[in-house]
Amino acid sequence: MRPPPIRMTAAPNPPLKHPPSAGERPTVPAESPPPAVSLPLYGTTLILGAGVLILGGYWLDHQKGGGWRWTLAGLVLGLVYIAYETWKLVRLLRDESRQPTDRDRNDEPQRPEP
């Protein structure tokens, strides 16, 4: 059976049981996904991490007398860093999508016990 597709957007808030009064603020359940701000932060982290490695290689090239050897090594390490961080994110999202929710547990058909 194929798992459902992974969506990278925040889920809508569940409906409130009663409308909030004028001074009361609606509450968000503790299980709500992280805000959508985390994805741009993730991209920025990848760019900065790879950039530091590439610039470090460039700096080493100038310290050691020129060439492209250390810059290319920094580029390769930066790509490895991006691949590793992306793999961690995909693994986390896959594990979260496999955890059954309360709604999934209630939707399962009741099987008679033998």
C-alpha atoms as a PDB file:
ATOM      1  CA  MET A   1       0.000   0.000   0.000  1.00  0.00           C
ATOM      2  CA  ARG A   2       1.391   3.381  -0.983  1.00  0.00           C
ATOM      3  CA  PRO A   3       1.729   5.980   1.829  1.00  0.00           C
ATOM      4  CA  PRO A   4      -0.157   9.250   1.437  1.00  0.00           C
ATOM      5  CA  PRO A   5       1.758  12.190  -0.089  1.00  0.00           C
ATOM      6  CA  ILE A   6       3.591  14.465   2.324  1.00  0.00           C
ATOM      7  CA  ARG A   7       2.366  18.047   2.469  1.00  0.00           C
ATOM      8  CA  MET A   8       4.752  20.727   3.703  1.00  0.00           C
ATOM      9  CA  THR A   9       2.065  23.216   4.738  1.00  0.00           C
ATOM     10  CA  ALA A  10       0.567  23.820   8.134  1.00  0.00           C
ATOM     11  CA  ALA A  11      -2.751  22.135   8.799  1.00  0.00           C
ATOM     12  CA  PRO A  12      -5.770  24.354   9.464  1.00  0.00           C
ATOM     13  CA  ASN A  13      -6.798  24.832  13.053  1.00  0.00           C
ATOM     14  CA  PRO A  14      -9.491  22.427  14.245  1.00  0.00           C
ATOM     15  CA  PRO A  15     -12.978  23.875  14.696  1.00  0.00           C
ATOM     16  CA  LEU A  16     -13.672  25.330  18.114  1.00  0.00           C
ATOM     17  CA  LYS A  17     -16.291  23.713  20.311  1.00  0.00           C
ATOM     18  CA  HIS A  18     -17.762  27.101  21.109  1.00  0.00           C
ATOM     19  CA  PRO A  19     -17.037  30.552  19.744  1.00  0.00           C
ATOM     20  CA  PRO A  20     -14.535  32.441  21.907  1.00  0.00           C
ATOM     21  CA  SER A  21     -15.841  35.323  23.950  1.00  0.00           C
ATOM     22  CA  ALA A  22     -14.537  38.862  23.424  1.00  0.00           C
ATOM     23  CA  GLY A  23     -11.607  38.513  25.863  1.00  0.00           C
ATOM     24  CA  GLU A  24     -10.819  34.856  25.217  1.00  0.00           C
ATOM     25  CA  ARG A  25      -8.277  33.738  22.642  1.00  0.00           C
ATOM     26  CA  PRO A  26      -8.726  30.450  20.753  1.00  0.00           C
ATOM     27  CA  THR A  27      -6.238  27.753  21.697  1.00  0.00           C
ATOM     28  CA  VAL A  28      -4.190  25.654  19.314  1.00  0.00           C
ATOM     29  CA  PRO A  29      -3.744  21.967  20.138  1.00  0.00           C
ATOM     30  CA  ALA A  30      -0.249  20.882  21.213  1.00  0.00           C
ATOM     31  CA  GLU A  31      -0.017  18.502  18.224  1.00  0.00           C
ATOM     32  CA  SER A  32      -0.192  21.274  15.617  1.00  0.00           C
ATOM     33  CA  PRO A  33       2.655  21.253  13.085  1.00  0.00           C
ATOM     34  CA  PRO A  34       5.409  23.858  13.201  1.00  0.00           C
ATOM     35  CA  PRO A  35       4.615  27.166  11.505  1.00  0.00           C
ATOM     36  CA  ALA A  36       5.346  27.639   7.817  1.00  0.00           C
ATOM     37  CA  VAL A  37       8.254  29.889   8.811  1.00  0.00           C
ATOM     38  CA  SER A  38      10.382  26.777   9.444  1.00  0.00           C
ATOM     39  CA  LEU A  39      10.771  25.966   5.725  1.00  0.00           C
ATOM     40  CA  PRO A  40      12.453  29.258   4.758  1.00  0.00           C
ATOM     41  CA  LEU A  41      14.614  28.889   7.851  1.00  0.00           C
ATOM     42  CA  TYR A  42      15.584  25.398   6.693  1.00  0.00           C
ATOM     43  CA  GLY A  43      16.589  26.724   3.252  1.00  0.00           C
ATOM     44  CA  THR A  44      18.598  29.548   4.807  1.00  0.00           C
ATOM     45  CA  THR A  45      20.422  27.068   7.032  1.00  0.00           C
ATOM     46  CA  LEU A  46      21.338  24.932   4.015  1.00  0.00           C
ATOM     47  CA  ILE A  47      22.621  27.907   2.023  1.00  0.00           C
ATOM     48  CA  LEU A  48      24.657  29.268   4.927  1.00  0.00           C
ATOM     49  CA  GLY A  49      26.132  25.863   5.789  1.00  0.00           C
ATOM     50  CA  ALA A  50      27.180  25.104   2.217  1.00  0.00           C
ATOM     51  CA  GLY A  51      28.382  28.688   1.723  1.00  0.00           C
ATOM     52  CA  VAL A  52      30.672  28.508   4.740  1.00  0.00           C
ATOM     53  CA  LEU A  53      32.232  25.296   3.431  1.00  0.00           C
ATOM     54  CA  ILE A  54      32.736  26.701  -0.080  1.00  0.00           C
ATOM     55  CA  LEU A  55      34.155  29.995   1.206  1.00  0.00           C
ATOM     56  CA  GLY A  56      36.428  28.065   3.557  1.00  0.00           C
ATOM     57  CA  GLY A  57      37.786  26.128   0.584  1.00  0.00           C
ATOM     58  CA  TYR A  58      38.257  29.366  -1.366  1.00  0.00           C
ATOM     59  CA  TRP A  59      40.131  30.913   1.575  1.00  0.00           C
ATOM     60  CA  LEU A  60      42.374  27.835   1.840  1.00  0.00           C
ATOM     61  CA  ASP A  61      43.163  28.058  -1.884  1.00  0.00           C
ATOM     62  CA  HIS A  62      44.394  31.615  -1.435  1.00  0.00           C
ATOM     63  CA  GLN A  63      46.407  30.680   1.658  1.00  0.00           C
ATOM     64  CA  LYS A  64      48.077  27.715  -0.050  1.00  0.00           C
ATOM     65  CA  GLY A  65      48.973  29.511  -3.274  1.00  0.00           C
ATOM     66  CA  GLY A  66      46.045  29.337  -5.668  1.00  0.00           C
ATOM     67  CA  GLY A  67      44.311  26.627  -7.591  1.00  0.00           C
ATOM     68  CA  TRP A  68      40.819  25.204  -7.266  1.00  0.00           C
ATOM     69  CA  ARG A  69      41.482  22.106  -5.211  1.00  0.00           C
ATOM     70  CA  TRP A  70      40.201  23.366  -1.832  1.00  0.00           C
ATOM     71  CA  THR A  71      37.296  25.301  -3.355  1.00  0.00           C
ATOM     72  CA  LEU A  72      36.108  22.135  -5.091  1.00  0.00           C
ATOM     73  CA  ALA A  73      36.579  20.178  -1.864  1.00  0.00           C
ATOM     74  CA  GLY A  74      34.453  22.783  -0.057  1.00  0.00           C
ATOM     75  CA  LEU A  75      31.818  22.520  -2.788  1.00  0.00           C
ATOM     76  CA  VAL A  76      31.678  18.734  -2.473  1.00  0.00           C
ATOM     77  CA  LEU A  77      31.453  18.958   1.330  1.00  0.00           C
ATOM     78  CA  GLY A  78      28.701  21.572   0.981  1.00  0.00           C
ATOM     79  CA  LEU A  79      26.696  19.276  -1.298  1.00  0.00           C
ATOM     80  CA  VAL A  80      27.181  16.377   1.132  1.00  0.00           C
ATOM     81  CA  TYR A  81      25.957  18.629   3.950  1.00  0.00           C
ATOM     82  CA  ILE A  82      22.828  19.603   1.959  1.00  0.00           C
ATOM     83  CA  ALA A  83      22.109  15.958   1.090  1.00  0.00           C
ATOM     84  CA  TYR A  84      22.494  14.874   4.727  1.00  0.00           C
ATOM     85  CA  GLU A  85      20.219  17.608   6.086  1.00  0.00           C
ATOM     86  CA  THR A  86      17.589  16.883   3.423  1.00  0.00           C
ATOM     87  CA  TRP A  87      17.736  13.167   4.227  1.00  0.00           C
ATOM     88  CA  LYS A  88      17.137  13.951   7.916  1.00  0.00           C
ATOM     89  CA  LEU A  89      14.125  16.118   7.033  1.00  0.00           C
ATOM     90  CA  VAL A  90      12.616  13.497   4.713  1.00  0.00           C
ATOM     91  CA  ARG A  91      13.105  10.798   7.351  1.00  0.00           C
ATOM     92  CA  LEU A  92      11.418  12.982   9.985  1.00  0.00           C
ATOM     93  CA  LEU A  93       8.465  13.780   7.729  1.00  0.00           C
ATOM     94  CA  ARG A  94       8.107  10.132   6.728  1.00  0.00           C
ATOM     95  CA  ASP A  95       8.070   8.996  10.363  1.00  0.00           C
ATOM     96  CA  GLU A  96       5.499  11.658  11.275  1.00  0.00           C
ATOM     97  CA  SER A  97       3.247  10.634   8.396  1.00  0.00           C
ATOM     98  CA  ARG A  98       3.276   7.004   9.528  1.00  0.00           C
ATOM     99  CA  GLN A  99       2.052   7.759  13.049  1.00  0.00           C
ATOM    100  CA  PRO A 100      -1.689   7.147  13.231  1.00  0.00           C
ATOM    101  CA  THR A 101      -3.804  10.026  14.478  1.00  0.00           C
ATOM    102  CA  ASP A 102      -6.901   9.770  16.629  1.00  0.00           C
ATOM    103  CA  ARG A 103      -9.061  10.231  13.530  1.00  0.00           C
ATOM    104  CA  ASP A 104      -7.298   7.341  11.779  1.00  0.00           C
ATOM    105  CA  ARG A 105      -7.807   5.083  14.794  1.00  0.00           C
ATOM    106  CA  ASN A 106     -11.542   5.895  14.885  1.00  0.00           C
ATOM    107  CA  ASP A 107     -11.949   5.276  11.157  1.00  0.00           C
ATOM    108  CA  GLU A 108     -10.574   1.743  11.305  1.00  0.00           C
ATOM    109  CA  PRO A 109     -13.278  -0.908  10.930  1.00  0.00           C
ATOM    110  CA  GLN A 110     -13.950  -2.892  14.061  1.00  0.00           C
ATOM    111  CA  ARG A 111     -12.956  -6.511  13.569  1.00  0.00           C
ATOM    112  CA  PRO A 112     -14.735  -9.167  15.576  1.00  0.00           C
ATOM    113  CA  GLU A 113     -12.531 -11.050  17.976  1.00  0.00           C
ATOM    114  CA  PRO A 114     -12.226 -14.788  17.252  1.00  0.00           C
END
